[in-house]
PDB file of all heavy atoms in Angstrom:
ATOM      1  N   TYR A   1       0.831  -1.191  -0.039  1.00  0.00           N
ATOM      2  CA  TYR A   1      -0.034   0.013  -0.063  1.00  0.00           C
ATOM      3  C   TYR A   1       0.878   1.242  -0.051  1.00  0.00           C
ATOM      4  O   TYR A   1       1.980   1.201   0.490  1.00  0.00           O
ATOM      5  CB  TYR A   1      -0.925   0.067   1.239  1.00  0.00           C
ATOM      6  CG  TYR A   1      -1.925  -1.099   1.236  1.00  0.00           C
ATOM      7  CD1 TYR A   1      -1.718  -2.304   1.833  1.00  0.00           C
ATOM      8  CD2 TYR A   1      -3.188  -0.828   0.764  1.00  0.00           C
ATOM      9  CE1 TYR A   1      -2.598  -3.243   1.815  1.00  0.00           C
ATOM     10  CE2 TYR A   1      -4.191  -1.841   0.762  1.00  0.00           C
ATOM     11  CZ  TYR A   1      -3.885  -3.102   1.339  1.00  0.00           C
ATOM     12  OH  TYR A   1      -4.845  -4.039   1.343  1.00  0.00           O
ATOM     13  N   SER A   2       0.360   2.353  -0.527  1.00  0.00           N
ATOM     14  CA  SER A   2       1.074   3.608  -0.447  1.00  0.00           C
ATOM     15  C   SER A   2       0.003   4.700  -0.414  1.00  0.00           C
ATOM     16  O   SER A   2      -1.109   4.555  -0.796  1.00  0.00           O
ATOM     17  CB  SER A   2       2.031   3.815  -1.628  1.00  0.00           C
ATOM     18  OG  SER A   2       1.317   4.313  -2.799  1.00  0.00           O
ATOM     19  N   SER A   3       0.474   5.940  -0.055  1.00  0.00           N
ATOM     20  CA  SER A   3      -0.371   7.114  -0.237  1.00  0.00           C
ATOM     21  C   SER A   3      -0.407   7.371  -1.763  1.00  0.00           C
ATOM     22  O   SER A   3       0.254   6.762  -2.539  1.00  0.00           O
ATOM     23  CB  SER A   3       0.189   8.303   0.585  1.00  0.00           C
ATOM     24  OG  SER A   3       1.099   8.979  -0.288  1.00  0.00           O
ATOM     25  N   THR A   4      -1.347   8.243  -2.144  1.00  0.00           N
ATOM     26  CA  THR A   4      -1.457   8.598  -3.562  1.00  0.00           C
ATOM     27  C   THR A   4      -0.291   9.570  -4.075  1.00  0.00           C
ATOM     28  O   THR A   4      -0.215   9.869  -5.193  1.00  0.00           O
ATOM     29  CB  THR A   4      -2.871   9.194  -3.835  1.00  0.00           C
ATOM     30  OG1 THR A   4      -3.085  10.237  -2.917  1.00  0.00           O
ATOM     31  CG2 THR A   4      -3.878   8.185  -3.765  1.00  0.00           C
ATOM     32  N   ALA A   5       0.448  10.110  -3.075  1.00  0.00           N
ATOM     33  CA  ALA A   5       1.545  11.046  -3.451  1.00  0.00           C
ATOM     34  C   ALA A   5       2.586  10.311  -4.352  1.00  0.00           C
ATOM     35  O   ALA A   5       2.959   9.125  -4.112  1.00  0.00           O
ATOM     36  CB  ALA A   5       2.180  11.546  -2.239  1.00  0.00           C
ATOM     37  N   LEU A   6       3.157  10.958  -5.328  1.00  0.00           N
ATOM     38  CA  LEU A   6       4.051  10.379  -6.216  1.00  0.00           C
ATOM     39  C   LEU A   6       5.248   9.863  -5.508  1.00  0.00           C
ATOM     40  O   LEU A   6       5.733   8.761  -5.795  1.00  0.00           O
ATOM     41  CB  LEU A   6       4.518  11.469  -7.239  1.00  0.00           C
ATOM     42  CG  LEU A   6       5.598  11.014  -8.258  1.00  0.00           C
ATOM     43  CD1 LEU A   6       5.200   9.844  -9.091  1.00  0.00           C
ATOM     44  CD2 LEU A   6       5.975  12.244  -9.173  1.00  0.00           C
ATOM     45  N   ARG A   7       5.854  10.523  -4.533  1.00  0.00           N
ATOM     46  CA  ARG A   7       7.055  10.001  -3.835  1.00  0.00           C
ATOM     47  C   ARG A   7       6.703   8.781  -3.063  1.00  0.00           C
ATOM     48  O   ARG A   7       7.634   7.899  -3.011  1.00  0.00           O
ATOM     49  CB  ARG A   7       7.621  11.118  -2.908  1.00  0.00           C
ATOM     50  CG  ARG A   7       6.639  11.569  -1.783  1.00  0.00           C
ATOM     51  CD  ARG A   7       7.183  12.881  -1.221  1.00  0.00           C
ATOM     52  NE  ARG A   7       6.398  13.417  -0.114  1.00  0.00           N
ATOM     53  CZ  ARG A   7       5.274  14.134  -0.293  1.00  0.00           C
ATOM     54  NH1 ARG A   7       4.830  14.426  -1.460  1.00  0.00           N
ATOM     55  NH2 ARG A   7       4.654  14.714   0.798  1.00  0.00           N
ATOM     56  N   ALA A   8       5.536   8.555  -2.598  1.00  0.00           N
ATOM     57  CA  ALA A   8       5.209   7.301  -1.860  1.00  0.00           C
ATOM     58  C   ALA A   8       5.069   6.086  -2.873  1.00  0.00           C
ATOM     59  O   ALA A   8       5.474   5.062  -2.614  1.00  0.00           O
ATOM     60  CB  ALA A   8       3.948   7.538  -1.088  1.00  0.00           C
ATOM     61  N   ARG A   9       4.371   6.455  -3.934  1.00  0.00           N
ATOM     62  CA  ARG A   9       4.182   5.439  -4.990  1.00  0.00           C
ATOM     63  C   ARG A   9       5.505   5.035  -5.587  1.00  0.00           C
ATOM     64  O   ARG A   9       5.753   3.833  -5.854  1.00  0.00           O
ATOM     65  CB  ARG A   9       3.255   5.969  -6.064  1.00  0.00           C
ATOM     66  CG  ARG A   9       1.835   6.075  -5.612  1.00  0.00           C
ATOM     67  CD  ARG A   9       0.809   6.433  -6.700  1.00  0.00           C
ATOM     68  NE  ARG A   9       0.902   7.829  -7.050  1.00  0.00           N
ATOM     69  CZ  ARG A   9       1.305   8.327  -8.181  1.00  0.00           C
ATOM     70  NH1 ARG A   9       1.671   7.477  -9.222  1.00  0.00           N
ATOM     71  NH2 ARG A   9       1.308   9.633  -8.439  1.00  0.00           N
ATOM     72  N   GLN A  10       6.486   5.989  -5.787  1.00  0.00           N
ATOM     73  CA  GLN A  10       7.778   5.638  -6.300  1.00  0.00           C
ATOM     74  C   GLN A  10       8.564   4.751  -5.304  1.00  0.00           C
ATOM     75  O   GLN A  10       9.314   3.938  -5.697  1.00  0.00           O
ATOM     76  CB  GLN A  10       8.553   6.823  -6.631  1.00  0.00           C
ATOM     77  CG  GLN A  10       8.001   7.671  -7.926  1.00  0.00           C
ATOM     78  CD  GLN A  10       8.771   8.933  -8.218  1.00  0.00           C
ATOM     79  OE1 GLN A  10       9.272   9.553  -7.264  1.00  0.00           O
ATOM     80  NE2 GLN A  10       8.894   9.249  -9.494  1.00  0.00           N
ATOM     81  N   THR A  11       8.387   5.036  -3.993  1.00  0.00           N
ATOM     82  CA  THR A  11       9.030   4.184  -3.067  1.00  0.00           C
ATOM     83  C   THR A  11       8.450   2.830  -2.951  1.00  0.00           C
ATOM     84  O   THR A  11       9.158   1.816  -2.771  1.00  0.00           O
ATOM     85  CB  THR A  11       8.928   4.851  -1.609  1.00  0.00           C
ATOM     86  OG1 THR A  11       9.449   6.272  -1.691  1.00  0.00           O
ATOM     87  CG2 THR A  11       9.658   4.122  -0.593  1.00  0.00           C
ATOM     88  N   ALA A  12       7.160   2.749  -3.126  1.00  0.00           N
ATOM     89  CA  ALA A  12       6.400   1.470  -3.017  1.00  0.00           C
ATOM     90  C   ALA A  12       6.595   0.582  -4.235  1.00  0.00           C
ATOM     91  O   ALA A  12       6.628  -0.649  -4.078  1.00  0.00           O
ATOM     92  CB  ALA A  12       4.940   1.689  -2.814  1.00  0.00           C
ATOM     93  N   GLN A  13       6.926   1.153  -5.391  1.00  0.00           N
ATOM     94  CA  GLN A  13       6.956   0.384  -6.673  1.00  0.00           C
ATOM     95  C   GLN A  13       8.037  -0.813  -6.575  1.00  0.00           C
ATOM     96  O   GLN A  13       7.691  -1.914  -6.976  1.00  0.00           O
ATOM     97  CB  GLN A  13       7.147   1.285  -7.787  1.00  0.00           C
ATOM     98  CG  GLN A  13       6.959   0.474  -9.207  1.00  0.00           C
ATOM     99  CD  GLN A  13       5.625  -0.101  -9.268  1.00  0.00           C
ATOM    100  OE1 GLN A  13       4.577   0.551  -9.250  1.00  0.00           O
ATOM    101  NE2 GLN A  13       5.602  -1.503  -9.412  1.00  0.00           N
ATOM    102  N   PRO A  14       9.236  -0.564  -6.180  1.00  0.00           N
ATOM    103  CA  PRO A  14      10.207  -1.624  -6.133  1.00  0.00           C
ATOM    104  C   PRO A  14       9.877  -2.699  -5.207  1.00  0.00           C
ATOM    105  O   PRO A  14      10.030  -3.916  -5.516  1.00  0.00           O
ATOM    106  CB  PRO A  14      11.532  -0.992  -5.693  1.00  0.00           C
ATOM    107  CG  PRO A  14      11.290   0.543  -5.969  1.00  0.00           C
ATOM    108  CD  PRO A  14       9.884   0.797  -5.895  1.00  0.00           C
ATOM    109  N   LEU A  15       9.172  -2.351  -4.037  1.00  0.00           N
ATOM    110  CA  LEU A  15       8.695  -3.398  -3.131  1.00  0.00           C
ATOM    111  C   LEU A  15       7.670  -4.256  -3.810  1.00  0.00           C
ATOM    112  O   LEU A  15       7.650  -5.405  -3.693  1.00  0.00           O
ATOM    113  CB  LEU A  15       8.132  -2.689  -1.915  1.00  0.00           C
ATOM    114  CG  LEU A  15       9.007  -2.113  -0.857  1.00  0.00           C
ATOM    115  CD1 LEU A  15       8.282  -1.197   0.021  1.00  0.00           C
ATOM    116  CD2 LEU A  15       9.765  -3.152  -0.100  1.00  0.00           C
ATOM    117  N   ALA A  16       6.654  -3.577  -4.533  1.00  0.00           N
ATOM    118  CA  ALA A  16       5.604  -4.285  -5.116  1.00  0.00           C
ATOM    119  C   ALA A  16       6.140  -5.189  -6.324  1.00  0.00           C
ATOM    120  O   ALA A  16       5.740  -6.325  -6.415  1.00  0.00           O
ATOM    121  CB  ALA A  16       4.607  -3.286  -5.695  1.00  0.00           C
ATOM    122  N   THR A  17       7.114  -4.662  -7.037  1.00  0.00           N
ATOM    123  CA  THR A  17       7.646  -5.477  -8.165  1.00  0.00           C
ATOM    124  C   THR A  17       8.261  -6.744  -7.581  1.00  0.00           C
ATOM    125  O   THR A  17       8.142  -7.760  -8.108  1.00  0.00           O
ATOM    126  CB  THR A  17       8.662  -4.622  -8.923  1.00  0.00           C
ATOM    127  OG1 THR A  17       7.966  -3.440  -9.555  1.00  0.00           O
ATOM    128  CG2 THR A  17       9.312  -5.404 -10.067  1.00  0.00           C
ATOM    129  N   ALA A  18       9.062  -6.586  -6.500  1.00  0.00           N
ATOM    130  CA  ALA A  18       9.750  -7.678  -5.846  1.00  0.00           C
ATOM    131  C   ALA A  18       8.803  -8.682  -5.378  1.00  0.00           C
ATOM    132  O   ALA A  18       9.011  -9.924  -5.401  1.00  0.00           O
ATOM    133  CB  ALA A  18      10.660  -7.248  -4.784  1.00  0.00           C
ATOM    134  N   ALA A  19       7.672  -8.206  -4.892  1.00  0.00           N
ATOM    135  CA  ALA A  19       6.629  -9.101  -4.238  1.00  0.00           C
ATOM    136  C   ALA A  19       5.704  -9.638  -5.323  1.00  0.00           C
ATOM    137  O   ALA A  19       4.813 -10.591  -4.988  1.00  0.00           O
ATOM    138  CB  ALA A  19       5.791  -8.359  -3.207  1.00  0.00           C
ATOM    139  N   GLY A  20       5.749  -9.139  -6.521  1.00  0.00           N
ATOM    140  CA  GLY A  20       4.841  -9.614  -7.568  1.00  0.00           C
ATOM    141  C   GLY A  20       3.402  -9.122  -7.479  1.00  0.00           C
ATOM    142  O   GLY A  20       2.420  -9.824  -7.812  1.00  0.00           O
ATOM    143  N   VAL A  21       3.282  -7.973  -6.866  1.00  0.00           N
ATOM    144  CA  VAL A  21       1.922  -7.395  -6.702  1.00  0.00           C
ATOM    145  C   VAL A  21       1.869  -5.968  -7.254  1.00  0.00           C
ATOM    146  O   VAL A  21       2.894  -5.386  -7.602  1.00  0.00           O
ATOM    147  CB  VAL A  21       1.462  -7.381  -5.150  1.00  0.00           C
ATOM    148  CG1 VAL A  21       1.506  -8.799  -4.621  1.00  0.00           C
ATOM    149  CG2 VAL A  21       2.475  -6.494  -4.362  1.00  0.00           C
ATOM    150  N   GLU A  22       0.649  -5.343  -7.305  1.00  0.00           N
ATOM    151  CA  GLU A  22       0.479  -4.024  -7.731  1.00  0.00           C
ATOM    152  C   GLU A  22       0.485  -3.093  -6.544  1.00  0.00           C
ATOM    153  O   GLU A  22       0.034  -3.498  -5.412  1.00  0.00           O
ATOM    154  CB  GLU A  22      -0.860  -3.868  -8.542  1.00  0.00           C
ATOM    155  CG  GLU A  22      -0.955  -4.638  -9.791  1.00  0.00           C
ATOM    156  CD  GLU A  22       0.011  -4.083 -10.871  1.00  0.00           C
ATOM    157  OE1 GLU A  22       0.167  -2.842 -10.874  1.00  0.00           O
ATOM    158  OE2 GLU A  22       0.553  -4.826 -11.667  1.00  0.00           O
ATOM    159  N   VAL A  23       0.952  -1.882  -6.703  1.00  0.00           N
ATOM    160  CA  VAL A  23       0.824  -0.884  -5.585  1.00  0.00           C
ATOM    161  C   VAL A  23      -0.650  -0.556  -5.386  1.00  0.00           C
ATOM    162  O   VAL A  23      -1.231  -0.166  -6.408  1.00  0.00           O
ATOM    163  CB  VAL A  23       1.692   0.351  -5.878  1.00  0.00           C
ATOM    164  CG1 VAL A  23       1.458   1.402  -4.788  1.00  0.00           C
ATOM    165  CG2 VAL A  23       3.141   0.007  -5.962  1.00  0.00           C
ATOM    166  N   ARG A  24      -1.093  -0.609  -4.231  1.00  0.00           N
ATOM    167  CA  ARG A  24      -2.445  -0.078  -3.915  1.00  0.00           C
ATOM    168  C   ARG A  24      -2.409   1.336  -3.272  1.00  0.00           C
ATOM    169  O   ARG A  24      -2.030   1.437  -2.102  1.00  0.00           O
ATOM    170  CB  ARG A  24      -3.229  -1.042  -2.998  1.00  0.00           C
ATOM    171  CG  ARG A  24      -3.256  -2.459  -3.526  1.00  0.00           C
ATOM    172  CD  ARG A  24      -4.050  -3.337  -2.564  1.00  0.00           C
ATOM    173  NE  ARG A  24      -3.847  -4.814  -2.717  1.00  0.00           N
ATOM    174  CZ  ARG A  24      -4.505  -5.743  -2.116  1.00  0.00           C
ATOM    175  NH1 ARG A  24      -5.452  -5.454  -1.230  1.00  0.00           N
ATOM    176  NH2 ARG A  24      -4.245  -7.054  -2.413  1.00  0.00           N
ATOM    177  N   ALA A  25      -2.718   2.381  -4.094  1.00  0.00           N
ATOM    178  CA  ALA A  25      -2.563   3.747  -3.585  1.00  0.00           C
ATOM    179  C   ALA A  25      -3.880   4.153  -2.913  1.00  0.00           C
ATOM    180  O   ALA A  25      -4.972   4.041  -3.445  1.00  0.00           O
ATOM    181  CB  ALA A  25      -2.234   4.665  -4.753  1.00  0.00           C
ATOM    182  N   LEU A  26      -3.702   4.649  -1.654  1.00  0.00           N
ATOM    183  CA  LEU A  26      -4.933   5.027  -0.825  1.00  0.00           C
ATOM    184  C   LEU A  26      -4.769   6.490  -0.428  1.00  0.00           C
ATOM    185  O   LEU A  26      -3.786   6.909   0.182  1.00  0.00           O
ATOM    186  CB  LEU A  26      -4.927   4.155   0.405  1.00  0.00           C
ATOM    187  CG  LEU A  26      -5.036   2.671   0.211  1.00  0.00           C
ATOM    188  CD1 LEU A  26      -4.964   1.933   1.513  1.00  0.00           C
ATOM    189  CD2 LEU A  26      -6.325   2.340  -0.548  1.00  0.00           C
ATOM    190  N   PRO A  27      -5.721   7.327  -0.714  1.00  0.00           N
ATOM    191  CA  PRO A  27      -5.696   8.693  -0.333  1.00  0.00           C
ATOM    192  C   PRO A  27      -5.558   8.921   1.178  1.00  0.00           C
ATOM    193  O   PRO A  27      -4.997   9.960   1.643  1.00  0.00           O
ATOM    194  CB  PRO A  27      -7.024   9.263  -0.874  1.00  0.00           C
ATOM    195  CG  PRO A  27      -7.503   8.301  -1.957  1.00  0.00           C
ATOM    196  CD  PRO A  27      -6.965   6.965  -1.554  1.00  0.00           C
ATOM    197  N   ASP A  28      -6.126   8.054   1.962  1.00  0.00           N
ATOM    198  CA  ASP A  28      -6.099   8.232   3.432  1.00  0.00           C
ATOM    199  C   ASP A  28      -4.668   8.010   4.057  1.00  0.00           C
ATOM    200  O   ASP A  28      -4.449   8.361   5.245  1.00  0.00           O
ATOM    201  CB  ASP A  28      -7.085   7.218   4.108  1.00  0.00           C
ATOM    202  CG  ASP A  28      -8.535   7.682   4.020  1.00  0.00           C
ATOM    203  OD1 ASP A  28      -8.717   8.907   3.741  1.00  0.00           O
ATOM    204  OD2 ASP A  28      -9.379   6.859   4.240  1.00  0.00           O
ATOM    205  N   LEU A  29      -3.709   7.569   3.243  1.00  0.00           N
ATOM    206  CA  LEU A  29      -2.325   7.504   3.725  1.00  0.00           C
ATOM    207  C   LEU A  29      -1.505   8.765   3.486  1.00  0.00           C
ATOM    208  O   LEU A  29      -0.297   8.755   3.772  1.00  0.00           O
ATOM    209  CB  LEU A  29      -1.631   6.271   3.149  1.00  0.00           C
ATOM    210  CG  LEU A  29      -1.959   4.881   3.753  1.00  0.00           C
ATOM    211  CD1 LEU A  29      -1.333   3.823   2.962  1.00  0.00           C
ATOM    212  CD2 LEU A  29      -1.600   4.808   5.198  1.00  0.00           C
ATOM    213  N   MET A  30      -2.183   9.782   2.985  1.00  0.00           N
ATOM    214  CA  MET A  30      -1.500  11.011   2.645  1.00  0.00           C
ATOM    215  C   MET A  30      -0.884  11.779   3.851  1.00  0.00           C
ATOM    216  O   MET A  30      -1.243  11.431   4.966  1.00  0.00           O
ATOM    217  CB  MET A  30      -2.439  12.040   1.913  1.00  0.00           C
ATOM    218  CG  MET A  30      -2.722  11.717   0.477  1.00  0.00           C
ATOM    219  SD  MET A  30      -1.209  11.824  -0.603  1.00  0.00           S
ATOM    220  CE  MET A  30      -1.003  13.625  -0.498  1.00  0.00           C
ATOM    221  N   GLU A  31       0.086  12.643   3.586  1.00  0.00           N
ATOM    222  CA  GLU A  31       0.632  13.491   4.614  1.00  0.00           C
ATOM    223  C   GLU A  31      -0.460  14.417   5.191  1.00  0.00           C
ATOM    224  O   GLU A  31      -1.510  14.663   4.566  1.00  0.00           O
ATOM    225  CB  GLU A  31       1.784  14.248   4.028  1.00  0.00           C
ATOM    226  CG  GLU A  31       2.598  15.089   5.022  1.00  0.00           C
ATOM    227  CD  GLU A  31       3.120  14.309   6.203  1.00  0.00           C
ATOM    228  OE1 GLU A  31       2.312  13.844   7.016  1.00  0.00           O
ATOM    229  OE2 GLU A  31       4.331  14.246   6.390  1.00  0.00           O
ATOM    230  N   VAL A  32      -0.149  14.958   6.322  1.00  0.00           N
ATOM    231  CA  VAL A  32      -1.056  15.939   7.028  1.00  0.00           C
ATOM    232  C   VAL A  32      -1.320  17.080   6.055  1.00  0.00           C
ATOM    233  O   VAL A  32      -0.411  17.696   5.530  1.00  0.00           O
ATOM    234  CB  VAL A  32      -0.365  16.411   8.299  1.00  0.00           C
ATOM    235  CG1 VAL A  32      -1.192  17.572   8.956  1.00  0.00           C
ATOM    236  CG2 VAL A  32      -0.199  15.250   9.297  1.00  0.00           C
ATOM    237  N   GLY A  33      -2.586  17.405   5.992  1.00  0.00           N
ATOM    238  CA  GLY A  33      -2.989  18.645   5.079  1.00  0.00           C
ATOM    239  C   GLY A  33      -2.827  19.868   5.977  1.00  0.00           C
ATOM    240  O   GLY A  33      -3.363  19.917   7.120  1.00  0.00           O
ATOM    241  N   ILE A  34      -2.311  20.943   5.379  1.00  0.00           N
ATOM    242  CA  ILE A  34      -2.114  22.193   6.084  1.00  0.00           C
ATOM    243  C   ILE A  34      -2.909  23.385   5.359  1.00  0.00           C
ATOM    244  O   ILE A  34      -2.558  24.533   5.548  1.00  0.00           O
ATOM    245  CB  ILE A  34      -0.632  22.600   6.279  1.00  0.00           C
ATOM    246  CG1 ILE A  34       0.061  22.657   4.892  1.00  0.00           C
ATOM    247  CG2 ILE A  34       0.077  21.503   7.176  1.00  0.00           C
ATOM    248  CD1 ILE A  34       1.495  23.262   5.097  1.00  0.00           C
ATOM    249  N   GLY A  35      -3.928  23.022   4.656  1.00  0.00           N
ATOM    250  CA  GLY A  35      -4.867  23.967   4.167  1.00  0.00           C
ATOM    251  C   GLY A  35      -4.210  24.990   3.255  1.00  0.00           C
ATOM    252  O   GLY A  35      -3.508  24.668   2.306  1.00  0.00           O
TER     253      GLY A  35
END
């Protein structure tokens, strides 16, 4: 799983590739919103 932010998805991708799965991007894992 990763947040929907690009940097999180890029970090997750090698893990997912090694595990043979797709990255599941979830908006609720995002960083704190500061309006």
